[in-house]
Amino acid sequence: MHIILVSDRMATARSITLTRLHLAMFGLGMIVVILALSSMFSYLTMRHAAEIRMPFLQELVRTLSLEESTKTRELVKESLSTMAVRLGQMQGQLMQLDTLGERLAGLAGVKPKAHPTDKGAVAEKVAPSGGPLMRPSNLSPQEMQRALEDLSRQIERRSETLSALEDQLFEERIRKHLLPTASPVAADVRASGFGWRMDPFTGQTAMHEGIDFIAEPGTPILAAAAGIIMTAERHPQYGNMVEIDHGNGLTTRYAHASALFTQTGELVKRGQQIAAVGSTGRSTGPHLHFEVRINGAAQNPGRFLEKGITAIASR
C-alpha cells in the first residue's frame, strides 16, 4: 500500500509504503487499546454496583446467620428435652431397682450391709417425691451435666448395694449347705431319738447322743451337709464310722456302717453317698447312728433335720 503525502511547505510529494507487517501491528495496537478500555469500564461499573448493593448483601448474610443460629438453638433444646426425658426414665428405673433389692433381701431373710462409701442408711434411701412435670427444655446444659453426674453416682451406689446383697445371699446359701439339715438316709424311720434312754446292752439309763435310723443293710448313707472328711475308719464303739467337718466347730458322725466310700481329707457334697448301712461296732442290728456335734458337744440332730424339712415344705 502506497500513501502520497502532499504539503504546501514541501516542494515535492512524499510517499509512504505500508506493508502487511505495519497493518498487523496497527491492528494489534487497536485491539489492546479496546481491551484496556473495556476492562477499565467493567471495573468502574462493578465497583459502582458493589457500592450500591453492599448493604443488601450484608443484610442477606445477617439474615442467613440468624436463621442458622435459631436452628442450632432449636436443635440443642430438642436434644436437651430428649435427654431430660431419658434421664427421668433412668431415675425411675433406679427406684425400681431399689424396690427389687429390698424385696430380694426380704425374701432371702437378709439385711443389706451398709457399704463403706455410704453415709448411712438414710443416704441410700430415696425420699418420696412428686409434683407436676416441668418442661425439659428448661434444663440448661450445665444442669443436665450435673444431673447426669448425680445419676452416675446413684448407679454406682445401687451397683455396690446389689453386689453386697449378692454376697450376703451367697454366704447364706453356703451357710445353709454347711448345716446338716438333709436326712442321712432316704428312709427316715427312727428307732431311737436323742436323749436319755435304756441302754440295749446294760439295761441301765444312759445318754444317747444321736438318732438311730432303721434301714436295710447296704442302704446308702448320705452326707447331711457339705464338708471335709475328718475320720473314715473303724471304731471300737461306733464300728465303721465317718466324721465330717462342716466348719465353725460343727461336725457330724455316721456310725455302724457296713462299708466306707470316702477317705480322710476328701471334700464331700451335700447328699453324696459316704457309706452303707450296717451293724458294725456296738450295735444290735442294721441301722445308722447319726450325731451332730458343736465343738465336740453332742447336739440334738432332730433340730437340724426339722429345719431341712421346713425349708423343703416352704418351697
C-alpha atoms as a PDB file:
ATOM      1  CA  MET A   1       0.000   0.000   0.000  1.00  0.00           C
ATOM      2  CA  HIS A   2       1.395   3.447  -1.053  1.00  0.00           C
ATOM      3  CA  ILE A   3       0.367   6.658   0.658  1.00  0.00           C
ATOM      4  CA  ILE A   4       1.355  10.008  -1.007  1.00  0.00           C
ATOM      5  CA  LEU A   5       1.687  12.978   1.296  1.00  0.00           C
ATOM      6  CA  VAL A   6       1.291  16.452  -0.270  1.00  0.00           C
ATOM      7  CA  SER A   7       2.098  19.643   1.712  1.00  0.00           C
ATOM      8  CA  ASP A   8       2.347  23.346   0.828  1.00  0.00           C
ATOM      9  CA  ARG A   9       5.612  23.616   2.701  1.00  0.00           C
ATOM     10  CA  MET A  10       7.162  20.726   0.866  1.00  0.00           C
ATOM     11  CA  ALA A  11       8.298  21.305  -2.654  1.00  0.00           C
ATOM     12  CA  THR A  12       7.912  17.752  -3.541  1.00  0.00           C
ATOM     13  CA  ALA A  13       5.421  14.941  -2.597  1.00  0.00           C
ATOM     14  CA  ARG A  14       6.417  12.082  -0.234  1.00  0.00           C
ATOM     15  CA  SER A  15       5.121   8.560  -0.489  1.00  0.00           C
ATOM     16  CA  ILE A  16       4.905   6.046   2.377  1.00  0.00           C
ATOM     17  CA  THR A  17       4.698   2.365   1.745  1.00  0.00           C
ATOM     18  CA  LEU A  18       2.676   0.282   4.307  1.00  0.00           C
ATOM     19  CA  THR A  19       3.478  -3.367   4.401  1.00  0.00           C
ATOM     20  CA  ARG A  20       1.392  -6.186   5.889  1.00  0.00           C
ATOM     21  CA  LEU A  21       3.566  -6.096   8.982  1.00  0.00           C
ATOM     22  CA  HIS A  22       2.654  -2.441   9.566  1.00  0.00           C
ATOM     23  CA  LEU A  23      -1.023  -3.246   9.199  1.00  0.00           C
ATOM     24  CA  ALA A  24      -0.805  -6.165  11.582  1.00  0.00           C
ATOM     25  CA  MET A  25       0.952  -4.089  14.230  1.00  0.00           C
ATOM     26  CA  PHE A  26      -1.645  -1.343  13.848  1.00  0.00           C
ATOM     27  CA  GLY A  27      -4.499  -3.826  14.252  1.00  0.00           C
ATOM     28  CA  LEU A  28      -2.879  -5.412  17.307  1.00  0.00           C
ATOM     29  CA  GLY A  29      -2.463  -1.987  18.910  1.00  0.00           C
ATOM     30  CA  MET A  30      -6.114  -1.182  18.337  1.00  0.00           C
ATOM     31  CA  ILE A  31      -7.159  -4.473  19.957  1.00  0.00           C
ATOM     32  CA  VAL A  32      -5.008  -3.754  23.022  1.00  0.00           C
ATOM     33  CA  VAL A  33      -6.480  -0.278  23.359  1.00  0.00           C
ATOM     34  CA  ILE A  34     -10.036  -1.621  23.069  1.00  0.00           C
ATOM     35  CA  LEU A  35      -9.397  -4.351  25.683  1.00  0.00           C
ATOM     36  CA  ALA A  36      -7.868  -1.836  28.098  1.00  0.00           C
ATOM     37  CA  LEU A  37     -10.826   0.491  27.734  1.00  0.00           C
ATOM     38  CA  SER A  38     -13.274  -2.397  28.219  1.00  0.00           C
ATOM     39  CA  SER A  39     -11.503  -3.617  31.394  1.00  0.00           C
ATOM     40  CA  MET A  40     -11.479  -0.109  32.828  1.00  0.00           C
ATOM     41  CA  PHE A  41     -15.178   0.303  32.061  1.00  0.00           C
ATOM     42  CA  SER A  42     -16.059  -3.082  33.636  1.00  0.00           C
ATOM     43  CA  TYR A  43     -14.030  -2.358  36.782  1.00  0.00           C
ATOM     44  CA  LEU A  44     -15.682   1.045  37.256  1.00  0.00           C
ATOM     45  CA  THR A  45     -19.139  -0.473  36.638  1.00  0.00           C
ATOM     46  CA  MET A  46     -18.688  -3.380  39.087  1.00  0.00           C
ATOM     47  CA  ARG A  47     -17.232  -1.122  41.773  1.00  0.00           C
ATOM     48  CA  HIS A  48     -20.147   1.202  41.484  1.00  0.00           C
ATOM     49  CA  ALA A  49     -22.613  -1.700  41.583  1.00  0.00           C
ATOM     50  CA  ALA A  50     -20.868  -3.232  44.607  1.00  0.00           C
ATOM     51  CA  GLU A  51     -21.054   0.052  46.472  1.00  0.00           C
ATOM     52  CA  ILE A  52     -24.761   0.192  45.692  1.00  0.00           C
ATOM     53  CA  ARG A  53     -25.540  -3.478  46.561  1.00  0.00           C
ATOM     54  CA  MET A  54     -23.224  -3.968  49.598  1.00  0.00           C
ATOM     55  CA  PRO A  55     -25.901  -3.132  52.251  1.00  0.00           C
ATOM     56  CA  PHE A  56     -28.235  -5.669  50.634  1.00  0.00           C
ATOM     57  CA  LEU A  57     -25.579  -8.366  50.699  1.00  0.00           C
ATOM     58  CA  GLN A  58     -24.712  -7.612  54.308  1.00  0.00           C
ATOM     59  CA  GLU A  59     -28.372  -7.829  55.304  1.00  0.00           C
ATOM     60  CA  LEU A  60     -28.719 -11.127  53.437  1.00  0.00           C
ATOM     61  CA  VAL A  61     -25.696 -12.609  55.234  1.00  0.00           C
ATOM     62  CA  ARG A  62     -27.004 -11.372  58.587  1.00  0.00           C
ATOM     63  CA  THR A  63     -30.413 -12.942  57.935  1.00  0.00           C
ATOM     64  CA  LEU A  64     -28.890 -16.279  56.968  1.00  0.00           C
ATOM     65  CA  SER A  65     -26.668 -16.302  60.077  1.00  0.00           C
ATOM     66  CA  LEU A  66     -29.655 -15.535  62.314  1.00  0.00           C
ATOM     67  CA  GLU A  67     -31.691 -18.371  60.797  1.00  0.00           C
ATOM     68  CA  GLU A  68     -28.784 -20.807  61.232  1.00  0.00           C
ATOM     69  CA  SER A  69     -28.313 -19.739  64.855  1.00  0.00           C
ATOM     70  CA  THR A  70     -32.047 -20.171  65.528  1.00  0.00           C
ATOM     71  CA  LYS A  71     -32.000 -23.668  64.039  1.00  0.00           C
ATOM     72  CA  THR A  72     -28.971 -24.575  66.139  1.00  0.00           C
ATOM     73  CA  ARG A  73     -30.660 -23.374  69.330  1.00  0.00           C
ATOM     74  CA  GLU A  74     -33.804 -25.350  68.464  1.00  0.00           C
ATOM     75  CA  LEU A  75     -31.739 -28.492  67.899  1.00  0.00           C
ATOM     76  CA  VAL A  76     -29.961 -28.004  71.233  1.00  0.00           C
ATOM     77  CA  LYS A  77     -33.294 -27.513  73.015  1.00  0.00           C
ATOM     78  CA  GLU A  78     -34.733 -30.622  71.386  1.00  0.00           C
ATOM     79  CA  SER A  79     -31.653 -32.666  72.360  1.00  0.00           C
ATOM     80  CA  LEU A  80     -31.814 -31.417  75.947  1.00  0.00           C
ATOM     81  CA  SER A  81     -35.527 -32.229  76.092  1.00  0.00           C
ATOM     82  CA  THR A  82     -34.910 -35.780  74.863  1.00  0.00           C
ATOM     83  CA  MET A  83     -32.041 -36.248  77.307  1.00  0.00           C
ATOM     84  CA  ALA A  84     -34.153 -34.924  80.181  1.00  0.00           C
ATOM     85  CA  VAL A  85     -36.964 -37.376  79.398  1.00  0.00           C
ATOM     86  CA  ARG A  86     -34.459 -40.244  79.241  1.00  0.00           C
ATOM     87  CA  LEU A  87     -32.897 -39.066  82.488  1.00  0.00           C
ATOM     88  CA  GLY A  88     -36.275 -39.194  84.210  1.00  0.00           C
ATOM     89  CA  GLN A  89     -36.879 -42.702  82.899  1.00  0.00           C
ATOM     90  CA  MET A  90     -33.498 -43.871  84.194  1.00  0.00           C
ATOM     91  CA  GLN A  91     -34.195 -42.366  87.613  1.00  0.00           C
ATOM     92  CA  GLY A  92     -37.494 -44.252  87.694  1.00  0.00           C
ATOM     93  CA  GLN A  93     -35.675 -47.466  86.817  1.00  0.00           C
ATOM     94  CA  LEU A  94     -33.235 -46.823  89.660  1.00  0.00           C
ATOM     95  CA  MET A  95     -36.121 -46.572  92.095  1.00  0.00           C
ATOM     96  CA  GLN A  96     -37.460 -49.885  90.753  1.00  0.00           C
ATOM     97  CA  LEU A  97     -34.045 -51.432  91.355  1.00  0.00           C
ATOM     98  CA  ASP A  98     -34.139 -50.176  94.943  1.00  0.00           C
ATOM     99  CA  THR A  99     -37.552 -51.764  95.448  1.00  0.00           C
ATOM    100  CA  LEU A 100     -36.390 -55.005  93.838  1.00  0.00           C
ATOM    101  CA  GLY A 101     -33.320 -55.108  96.066  1.00  0.00           C
ATOM    102  CA  GLU A 102     -35.438 -54.643  99.183  1.00  0.00           C
ATOM    103  CA  ARG A 103     -37.825 -57.406  98.077  1.00  0.00           C
ATOM    104  CA  LEU A 104     -34.962 -59.785  97.368  1.00  0.00           C
ATOM    105  CA  ALA A 105     -33.434 -59.052 100.752  1.00  0.00           C
ATOM    106  CA  GLY A 106     -36.788 -59.666 102.421  1.00  0.00           C
ATOM    107  CA  LEU A 107     -37.360 -62.937 100.571  1.00  0.00           C
ATOM    108  CA  ALA A 108     -33.848 -64.106 101.405  1.00  0.00           C
ATOM    109  CA  GLY A 109     -34.222 -63.068 105.029  1.00  0.00           C
ATOM    110  CA  VAL A 110     -31.057 -60.974 104.980  1.00  0.00           C
ATOM    111  CA  LYS A 111     -30.424 -57.332 105.723  1.00  0.00           C
ATOM    112  CA  PRO A 112     -28.318 -55.468 103.155  1.00  0.00           C
ATOM    113  CA  LYS A 113     -24.963 -54.440 104.570  1.00  0.00           C
ATOM    114  CA  ALA A 114     -24.042 -50.765 104.501  1.00  0.00           C
ATOM    115  CA  HIS A 115     -21.262 -50.102 102.024  1.00  0.00           C
ATOM    116  CA  PRO A 116     -18.184 -48.262 103.367  1.00  0.00           C
ATOM    117  CA  THR A 117     -18.783 -45.411 100.917  1.00  0.00           C
ATOM    118  CA  ASP A 118     -22.356 -44.895 102.100  1.00  0.00           C
ATOM    119  CA  LYS A 119     -23.071 -42.158 104.612  1.00  0.00           C
ATOM    120  CA  GLY A 120     -25.694 -44.202 106.419  1.00  0.00           C
ATOM    121  CA  ALA A 121     -28.877 -45.959 105.542  1.00  0.00           C
ATOM    122  CA  VAL A 122     -30.758 -42.669 105.202  1.00  0.00           C
ATOM    123  CA  ALA A 123     -28.464 -41.519 102.421  1.00  0.00           C
ATOM    124  CA  GLU A 124     -29.169 -44.685 100.445  1.00  0.00           C
ATOM    125  CA  LYS A 125     -32.938 -44.415 100.893  1.00  0.00           C
ATOM    126  CA  VAL A 126     -34.693 -42.473  98.134  1.00  0.00           C
ATOM    127  CA  ALA A 127     -37.005 -39.847  99.611  1.00  0.00           C
ATOM    128  CA  PRO A 128     -40.585 -39.715  98.260  1.00  0.00           C
ATOM    129  CA  SER A 129     -41.067 -37.031  95.607  1.00  0.00           C
ATOM    130  CA  GLY A 130     -43.679 -35.829  93.110  1.00  0.00           C
ATOM    131  CA  GLY A 131     -45.316 -32.813  91.543  1.00  0.00           C
ATOM    132  CA  PRO A 132     -46.226 -31.531  88.080  1.00  0.00           C
ATOM    133  CA  LEU A 133     -43.943 -32.323  85.152  1.00  0.00           C
ATOM    134  CA  MET A 134     -41.704 -29.371  84.273  1.00  0.00           C
ATOM    135  CA  ARG A 135     -40.701 -28.620  80.702  1.00  0.00           C
ATOM    136  CA  PRO A 136     -37.482 -30.495  79.969  1.00  0.00           C
ATOM    137  CA  SER A 137     -36.330 -27.564  77.793  1.00  0.00           C
ATOM    138  CA  ASN A 138     -35.884 -25.500  80.966  1.00  0.00           C
ATOM    139  CA  LEU A 139     -32.789 -27.526  81.760  1.00  0.00           C
ATOM    140  CA  SER A 140     -29.565 -25.849  80.782  1.00  0.00           C
ATOM    141  CA  PRO A 141     -26.544 -27.831  79.544  1.00  0.00           C
ATOM    142  CA  GLN A 142     -24.838 -27.245  82.903  1.00  0.00           C
ATOM    143  CA  GLU A 143     -27.874 -28.513  84.825  1.00  0.00           C
ATOM    144  CA  MET A 144     -28.076 -31.538  82.548  1.00  0.00           C
ATOM    145  CA  GLN A 145     -24.395 -32.284  83.166  1.00  0.00           C
ATOM    146  CA  ARG A 146     -24.895 -32.098  86.947  1.00  0.00           C
ATOM    147  CA  ALA A 147     -27.965 -34.350  86.708  1.00  0.00           C
ATOM    148  CA  LEU A 148     -26.018 -36.922  84.705  1.00  0.00           C
ATOM    149  CA  GLU A 149     -23.160 -36.867  87.217  1.00  0.00           C
ATOM    150  CA  ASP A 150     -25.622 -37.370  90.084  1.00  0.00           C
ATOM    151  CA  LEU A 151     -27.273 -40.234  88.205  1.00  0.00           C
ATOM    152  CA  SER A 152     -23.872 -41.835  87.666  1.00  0.00           C
ATOM    153  CA  ARG A 153     -23.181 -41.698  91.410  1.00  0.00           C
ATOM    154  CA  GLN A 154     -26.599 -43.216  92.164  1.00  0.00           C
ATOM    155  CA  ILE A 155     -25.984 -46.057  89.719  1.00  0.00           C
ATOM    156  CA  GLU A 156     -22.623 -46.740  91.342  1.00  0.00           C
ATOM    157  CA  ARG A 157     -24.194 -46.869  94.815  1.00  0.00           C
ATOM    158  CA  ARG A 158     -27.012 -49.139  93.653  1.00  0.00           C
ATOM    159  CA  SER A 159     -24.489 -51.436  91.989  1.00  0.00           C
ATOM    160  CA  GLU A 160     -22.473 -51.648  95.209  1.00  0.00           C
ATOM    161  CA  THR A 161     -25.607 -52.320  97.261  1.00  0.00           C
ATOM    162  CA  LEU A 162     -26.814 -55.085  94.957  1.00  0.00           C
ATOM    163  CA  SER A 163     -23.316 -56.606  94.915  1.00  0.00           C
ATOM    164  CA  ALA A 164     -23.297 -56.614  98.718  1.00  0.00           C
ATOM    165  CA  LEU A 165     -26.742 -58.252  98.705  1.00  0.00           C
ATOM    166  CA  GLU A 166     -25.489 -60.869  96.260  1.00  0.00           C
ATOM    167  CA  ASP A 167     -22.534 -61.601  98.550  1.00  0.00           C
ATOM    168  CA  GLN A 168     -24.865 -61.998 101.519  1.00  0.00           C
ATOM    169  CA  LEU A 169     -27.173 -64.322  99.589  1.00  0.00           C
ATOM    170  CA  PHE A 170     -24.167 -66.369  98.515  1.00  0.00           C
ATOM    171  CA  GLU A 171     -22.890 -66.548 102.097  1.00  0.00           C
ATOM    172  CA  GLU A 172     -26.361 -67.536 103.314  1.00  0.00           C
ATOM    173  CA  ARG A 173     -26.582 -70.240 100.665  1.00  0.00           C
ATOM    174  CA  ILE A 174     -23.187 -71.608 101.669  1.00  0.00           C
ATOM    175  CA  ARG A 175     -24.147 -71.498 105.345  1.00  0.00           C
ATOM    176  CA  LYS A 176     -27.318 -73.460 104.658  1.00  0.00           C
ATOM    177  CA  HIS A 177     -25.404 -76.034 102.656  1.00  0.00           C
ATOM    178  CA  LEU A 178     -22.959 -76.426 105.543  1.00  0.00           C
ATOM    179  CA  LEU A 179     -25.723 -77.061 108.071  1.00  0.00           C
ATOM    180  CA  PRO A 180     -26.645 -80.769 108.470  1.00  0.00           C
ATOM    181  CA  THR A 181     -30.298 -80.363 107.562  1.00  0.00           C
ATOM    182  CA  ALA A 182     -30.534 -83.154 104.953  1.00  0.00           C
ATOM    183  CA  SER A 183     -31.603 -86.646 106.040  1.00  0.00           C
ATOM    184  CA  PRO A 184     -28.606 -89.035 106.071  1.00  0.00           C
ATOM    185  CA  VAL A 185     -30.771 -91.903 104.742  1.00  0.00           C
ATOM    186  CA  ALA A 186     -33.601 -91.961 102.226  1.00  0.00           C
ATOM    187  CA  ALA A 187     -35.994 -93.810 104.602  1.00  0.00           C
ATOM    188  CA  ASP A 188     -36.483 -91.578 107.648  1.00  0.00           C
ATOM    189  CA  VAL A 189     -37.545 -94.313 110.112  1.00  0.00           C
ATOM    190  CA  ARG A 190     -36.195 -93.564 113.560  1.00  0.00           C
ATOM    191  CA  ALA A 191     -35.719 -96.279 116.187  1.00  0.00           C
ATOM    192  CA  SER A 192     -34.253 -94.209 118.971  1.00  0.00           C
ATOM    193  CA  GLY A 193     -34.038 -90.466 119.474  1.00  0.00           C
ATOM    194  CA  PHE A 194     -31.613 -88.090 121.150  1.00  0.00           C
ATOM    195  CA  GLY A 195     -31.534 -88.036 124.953  1.00  0.00           C
ATOM    196  CA  TRP A 196     -31.679 -90.361 127.912  1.00  0.00           C
ATOM    197  CA  ARG A 197     -32.794 -93.975 127.287  1.00  0.00           C
ATOM    198  CA  MET A 198     -32.381 -97.580 128.480  1.00  0.00           C
ATOM    199  CA  ASP A 199     -29.103 -98.920 127.117  1.00  0.00           C
ATOM    200  CA  PRO A 200     -29.862-102.065 124.996  1.00  0.00           C
ATOM    201  CA  PHE A 201     -26.751-103.855 126.303  1.00  0.00           C
ATOM    202  CA  THR A 202     -26.667-102.934 130.012  1.00  0.00           C
ATOM    203  CA  GLY A 203     -30.330-102.155 130.641  1.00  0.00           C
ATOM    204  CA  GLN A 204     -29.310 -99.019 132.527  1.00  0.00           C
ATOM    205  CA  THR A 205     -30.212 -95.419 131.831  1.00  0.00           C
ATOM    206  CA  ALA A 206     -27.662 -93.848 129.505  1.00  0.00           C
ATOM    207  CA  MET A 207     -27.356 -90.803 127.324  1.00  0.00           C
ATOM    208  CA  HIS A 208     -27.940 -91.427 123.635  1.00  0.00           C
ATOM    209  CA  GLU A 209     -26.018 -88.702 121.758  1.00  0.00           C
ATOM    210  CA  GLY A 210     -27.609 -89.204 118.363  1.00  0.00           C
ATOM    211  CA  ILE A 211     -30.535 -90.583 116.393  1.00  0.00           C
ATOM    212  CA  ASP A 212     -30.832 -94.176 115.154  1.00  0.00           C
ATOM    213  CA  PHE A 213     -32.344 -94.681 111.684  1.00  0.00           C
ATOM    214  CA  ILE A 214     -33.667 -98.145 110.812  1.00  0.00           C
ATOM    215  CA  ALA A 215     -32.615 -99.229 107.319  1.00  0.00           C
ATOM    216  CA  GLU A 216     -31.760-102.352 105.375  1.00  0.00           C
ATOM    217  CA  PRO A 217     -28.100-103.372 105.180  1.00  0.00           C
ATOM    218  CA  GLY A 218     -26.366-101.668 102.273  1.00  0.00           C
ATOM    219  CA  THR A 219     -28.724 -98.670 102.234  1.00  0.00           C
ATOM    220  CA  PRO A 220     -26.721 -95.595 101.117  1.00  0.00           C
ATOM    221  CA  ILE A 221     -25.609 -93.252 103.902  1.00  0.00           C
ATOM    222  CA  LEU A 222     -25.610 -89.654 102.644  1.00  0.00           C
ATOM    223  CA  ALA A 223     -23.728 -86.584 103.873  1.00  0.00           C
ATOM    224  CA  ALA A 224     -26.185 -84.334 105.719  1.00  0.00           C
ATOM    225  CA  ALA A 225     -24.176 -81.290 104.591  1.00  0.00           C
ATOM    226  CA  ALA A 226     -21.073 -80.423 102.592  1.00  0.00           C
ATOM    227  CA  GLY A 227     -17.741 -80.625 104.362  1.00  0.00           C
ATOM    228  CA  ILE A 228     -14.355 -82.339 104.687  1.00  0.00           C
ATOM    229  CA  ILE A 229     -13.901 -85.913 105.913  1.00  0.00           C
ATOM    230  CA  MET A 230     -12.177 -85.855 109.310  1.00  0.00           C
ATOM    231  CA  THR A 231     -12.365 -89.594 110.026  1.00  0.00           C
ATOM    232  CA  ALA A 232     -13.168 -92.636 107.890  1.00  0.00           C
ATOM    233  CA  GLU A 233     -12.121 -95.678 109.882  1.00  0.00           C
ATOM    234  CA  ARG A 234     -13.258 -98.444 112.242  1.00  0.00           C
ATOM    235  CA  HIS A 235     -14.012 -97.509 115.867  1.00  0.00           C
ATOM    236  CA  PRO A 236     -14.453 -99.957 118.795  1.00  0.00           C
ATOM    237  CA  GLN A 237     -17.828 -98.484 119.762  1.00  0.00           C
ATOM    238  CA  TYR A 238     -19.074 -96.857 116.540  1.00  0.00           C
ATOM    239  CA  GLY A 239     -17.834 -99.606 114.207  1.00  0.00           C
ATOM    240  CA  ASN A 240     -17.164 -98.295 110.694  1.00  0.00           C
ATOM    241  CA  MET A 241     -17.555 -94.544 111.208  1.00  0.00           C
ATOM    242  CA  VAL A 242     -17.331 -91.412 109.108  1.00  0.00           C
ATOM    243  CA  GLU A 243     -16.952 -87.966 110.677  1.00  0.00           C
ATOM    244  CA  ILE A 244     -17.357 -84.795 108.604  1.00  0.00           C
ATOM    245  CA  ASP A 245     -16.160 -81.287 109.488  1.00  0.00           C
ATOM    246  CA  HIS A 246     -18.594 -78.586 108.316  1.00  0.00           C
ATOM    247  CA  GLY A 247     -16.660 -75.603 109.669  1.00  0.00           C
ATOM    248  CA  ASN A 248     -17.083 -73.355 112.710  1.00  0.00           C
ATOM    249  CA  GLY A 249     -16.736 -76.330 115.066  1.00  0.00           C
ATOM    250  CA  LEU A 250     -19.728 -78.161 113.532  1.00  0.00           C
ATOM    251  CA  THR A 251     -19.262 -81.890 112.821  1.00  0.00           C
ATOM    252  CA  THR A 252     -21.445 -84.909 112.036  1.00  0.00           C
ATOM    253  CA  ARG A 253     -20.879 -88.630 112.690  1.00  0.00           C
ATOM    254  CA  TYR A 254     -22.237 -91.652 110.815  1.00  0.00           C
ATOM    255  CA  ALA A 255     -21.700 -94.953 112.669  1.00  0.00           C
ATOM    256  CA  HIS A 256     -22.161 -98.767 112.363  1.00  0.00           C
ATOM    257  CA  ALA A 257     -21.657 -98.715 108.572  1.00  0.00           C
ATOM    258  CA  SER A 258     -21.024-101.899 106.643  1.00  0.00           C
ATOM    259  CA  ALA A 259     -18.735-100.151 104.155  1.00  0.00           C
ATOM    260  CA  LEU A 260     -16.989 -96.776 103.819  1.00  0.00           C
ATOM    261  CA  PHE A 261     -16.744 -94.964 100.476  1.00  0.00           C
ATOM    262  CA  THR A 262     -14.644 -91.965 101.495  1.00  0.00           C
ATOM    263  CA  GLN A 263     -11.254 -91.260 102.990  1.00  0.00           C
ATOM    264  CA  THR A 264      -9.741 -88.663 105.312  1.00  0.00           C
ATOM    265  CA  GLY A 265      -9.289 -85.229 103.754  1.00  0.00           C
ATOM    266  CA  GLU A 266     -11.823 -85.737 100.991  1.00  0.00           C
ATOM    267  CA  LEU A 267     -14.279 -82.966 100.181  1.00  0.00           C
ATOM    268  CA  VAL A 268     -17.867 -84.210 100.014  1.00  0.00           C
ATOM    269  CA  LYS A 269     -21.052 -82.550  98.814  1.00  0.00           C
ATOM    270  CA  ARG A 270     -24.435 -82.402 100.450  1.00  0.00           C
ATOM    271  CA  GLY A 271     -26.323 -85.629  99.689  1.00  0.00           C
ATOM    272  CA  GLN A 272     -23.223 -87.518  98.500  1.00  0.00           C
ATOM    273  CA  GLN A 273     -23.003 -91.182  99.492  1.00  0.00           C
ATOM    274  CA  ILE A 274     -20.232 -91.694 102.030  1.00  0.00           C
ATOM    275  CA  ALA A 275     -21.007 -95.201 103.390  1.00  0.00           C
ATOM    276  CA  ALA A 276     -23.576 -98.000 103.562  1.00  0.00           C
ATOM    277  CA  VAL A 277     -25.838 -99.056 106.438  1.00  0.00           C
ATOM    278  CA  GLY A 278     -24.588-101.983 108.509  1.00  0.00           C
ATOM    279  CA  SER A 279     -24.312-103.307 112.060  1.00  0.00           C
ATOM    280  CA  THR A 280     -20.662-102.959 112.977  1.00  0.00           C
ATOM    281  CA  GLY A 281     -19.358-101.948 116.405  1.00  0.00           C
ATOM    282  CA  ARG A 282     -21.653-101.767 119.432  1.00  0.00           C
ATOM    283  CA  SER A 283     -24.894-102.463 117.568  1.00  0.00           C
ATOM    284  CA  THR A 284     -27.872-104.818 117.954  1.00  0.00           C
ATOM    285  CA  GLY A 285     -28.864-104.770 114.266  1.00  0.00           C
ATOM    286  CA  PRO A 286     -28.629-102.899 110.947  1.00  0.00           C
ATOM    287  CA  HIS A 287     -29.177 -99.184 111.461  1.00  0.00           C
ATOM    288  CA  LEU A 288     -27.453 -95.793 111.149  1.00  0.00           C
ATOM    289  CA  HIS A 289     -26.363 -93.909 114.237  1.00  0.00           C
ATOM    290  CA  PHE A 290     -26.253 -90.201 113.339  1.00  0.00           C
ATOM    291  CA  GLU A 291     -24.735 -87.464 115.544  1.00  0.00           C
ATOM    292  CA  VAL A 292     -24.314 -83.686 115.334  1.00  0.00           C
ATOM    293  CA  ARG A 293     -21.654 -82.002 117.479  1.00  0.00           C
ATOM    294  CA  ILE A 294     -20.602 -78.401 118.047  1.00  0.00           C
ATOM    295  CA  ASN A 295     -17.083 -78.012 119.401  1.00  0.00           C
ATOM    296  CA  GLY A 296     -17.275 -81.648 120.495  1.00  0.00           C
ATOM    297  CA  ALA A 297     -20.543 -81.295 122.427  1.00  0.00           C
ATOM    298  CA  ALA A 298     -23.417 -83.504 121.263  1.00  0.00           C
ATOM    299  CA  GLN A 299     -26.479 -81.698 119.851  1.00  0.00           C
ATOM    300  CA  ASN A 300     -29.940 -82.951 119.047  1.00  0.00           C
ATOM    301  CA  PRO A 301     -29.809 -83.832 115.307  1.00  0.00           C
ATOM    302  CA  GLY A 302     -33.592 -83.529 115.120  1.00  0.00           C
ATOM    303  CA  ARG A 303     -33.391 -79.758 115.481  1.00  0.00           C
ATOM    304  CA  PHE A 304     -31.266 -79.522 112.327  1.00  0.00           C
ATOM    305  CA  LEU A 305     -33.300 -82.054 110.350  1.00  0.00           C
ATOM    306  CA  GLU A 306     -36.540 -80.212 111.150  1.00  0.00           C
ATOM    307  CA  LYS A 307     -35.090 -77.050 109.545  1.00  0.00           C
ATOM    308  CA  GLY A 308     -34.423 -79.028 106.380  1.00  0.00           C
ATOM    309  CA  ILE A 309     -37.979 -80.370 106.327  1.00  0.00           C
ATOM    310  CA  THR A 310     -39.375 -76.857 106.897  1.00  0.00           C
ATOM    311  CA  ALA A 311     -37.274 -75.438 104.074  1.00  0.00           C
ATOM    312  CA  ILE A 312     -38.499 -78.137 101.660  1.00  0.00           C
ATOM    313  CA  ALA A 313     -42.149 -77.602 102.671  1.00  0.00           C
ATOM    314  CA  SER A 314     -41.873 -73.810 102.140  1.00  0.00           C
ATOM    315  CA  ARG A 315     -40.734 -74.153  98.518  1.00  0.00           C
END
